[in-house]
């Protein structure tokens, strides 16, 4: 995975804002979503992102894997992440 080239990110209090300059849409990710985004946008696999999420926020591995899969699905559907 990697961030789509037309997505701008900005850290804000409470997480991360993604702006899709193609559509003008803005998206807010909380701290957990922001961590996952940072991992994935840098080229990490879903598994690595889930491990980081689990370690940082004391979330069980199975829950982290499910949460990452759900977020990835949403980000890909909005063309914010590309494969």
Protein backbone atom coordinates (compact mmCIF):
# COMPACT_ATOMS: atom_id res chain seq x y z
CA UNK A 1 0.00 0.00 0.00
CA UNK A 2 0.97 3.59 -0.43
CA UNK A 3 -0.74 6.94 -0.18
CA UNK A 4 -2.36 8.18 -3.36
CA UNK A 5 -0.27 11.00 -4.83
CA UNK A 6 -3.11 13.53 -4.57
CA UNK A 7 -3.64 13.09 -0.82
CA UNK A 8 -2.29 15.71 1.56
CA UNK A 9 -2.02 14.88 5.26
CA UNK A 10 -1.83 17.18 8.25
CA UNK A 11 -1.51 16.32 11.90
CA UNK A 12 -4.18 17.90 14.06
CA UNK A 13 -5.10 17.62 17.68
CA UNK A 14 -6.80 14.28 18.01
CA UNK A 15 -5.34 12.65 14.91
CA UNK A 16 -4.72 13.23 11.25
CA UNK A 17 -6.61 14.99 8.46
CA UNK A 18 -6.44 13.65 4.92
CA UNK A 19 -7.37 15.93 2.02
CA UNK A 20 -8.05 14.42 -1.38
CA UNK A 21 -7.15 17.31 -3.69
CA UNK A 22 -8.87 15.60 -6.63
CA UNK A 23 -12.29 15.61 -5.00
CA UNK A 24 -11.80 18.24 -2.30
CA UNK A 25 -13.00 15.77 0.34
CA UNK A 26 -11.49 15.85 3.83
CA UNK A 27 -11.23 12.90 6.18
CA UNK A 28 -10.32 12.78 9.86
CA UNK A 29 -8.52 9.83 11.41
CA UNK A 30 -8.20 9.52 15.17
CA UNK A 31 -4.85 8.61 16.77
CA UNK A 32 -5.22 4.91 16.04
CA UNK A 33 -6.25 5.53 12.44
CA UNK A 34 -3.40 8.01 12.06
CA UNK A 35 -0.89 5.42 13.21
CA UNK A 36 -2.24 2.89 10.75
CA UNK A 37 -2.22 5.47 7.94
CA UNK A 38 1.40 6.39 8.69
CA UNK A 39 2.46 2.76 8.58
CA UNK A 40 0.58 1.94 5.37
CA UNK A 41 1.47 5.17 3.55
CA UNK A 42 5.13 4.37 4.22
CA UNK A 43 4.70 1.01 2.52
CA UNK A 44 4.21 -1.28 5.53
CA UNK A 45 1.99 -4.31 5.15
CA UNK A 46 -1.35 -4.63 6.89
CA UNK A 47 0.28 -7.10 9.27
CA UNK A 48 3.04 -4.67 10.25
CA UNK A 49 0.48 -1.89 10.74
CA UNK A 50 -1.60 -4.21 12.95
CA UNK A 51 1.46 -5.11 15.02
CA UNK A 52 2.25 -1.39 15.53
CA UNK A 53 -1.37 -0.70 16.47
CA UNK A 54 -1.45 -3.59 18.92
CA UNK A 55 1.82 -2.57 20.56
CA UNK A 56 1.06 1.14 20.85
CA UNK A 57 -2.52 0.99 22.04
CA UNK A 58 -2.61 -2.35 23.91
CA UNK A 59 -5.15 -3.80 21.51
CA UNK A 60 -5.30 -7.56 21.03
CA UNK A 61 -3.68 -8.81 17.84
CA UNK A 62 -6.90 -10.23 16.36
CA UNK A 63 -8.72 -6.96 16.99
CA UNK A 64 -5.85 -4.95 15.49
CA UNK A 65 -5.83 -7.11 12.36
CA UNK A 66 -9.60 -6.67 11.96
CA UNK A 67 -9.41 -2.92 12.57
CA UNK A 68 -6.60 -2.46 10.04
CA UNK A 69 -8.46 -4.53 7.43
CA UNK A 70 -11.59 -2.43 7.89
CA UNK A 71 -9.72 0.87 7.65
CA UNK A 72 -7.74 -0.28 4.61
CA UNK A 73 -10.98 -1.26 2.90
CA UNK A 74 -12.43 2.19 3.53
CA UNK A 75 -9.27 4.04 2.44
CA UNK A 76 -8.94 2.00 -0.75
CA UNK A 77 -12.65 2.53 -1.55
CA UNK A 78 -12.07 6.29 -1.32
CA UNK A 79 -8.88 5.97 -3.43
CA UNK A 80 -6.77 7.42 -0.62
CA UNK A 81 -4.55 4.33 -0.52
CA UNK A 82 -3.43 2.50 -3.62
CA UNK A 83 -1.88 -0.92 -4.02
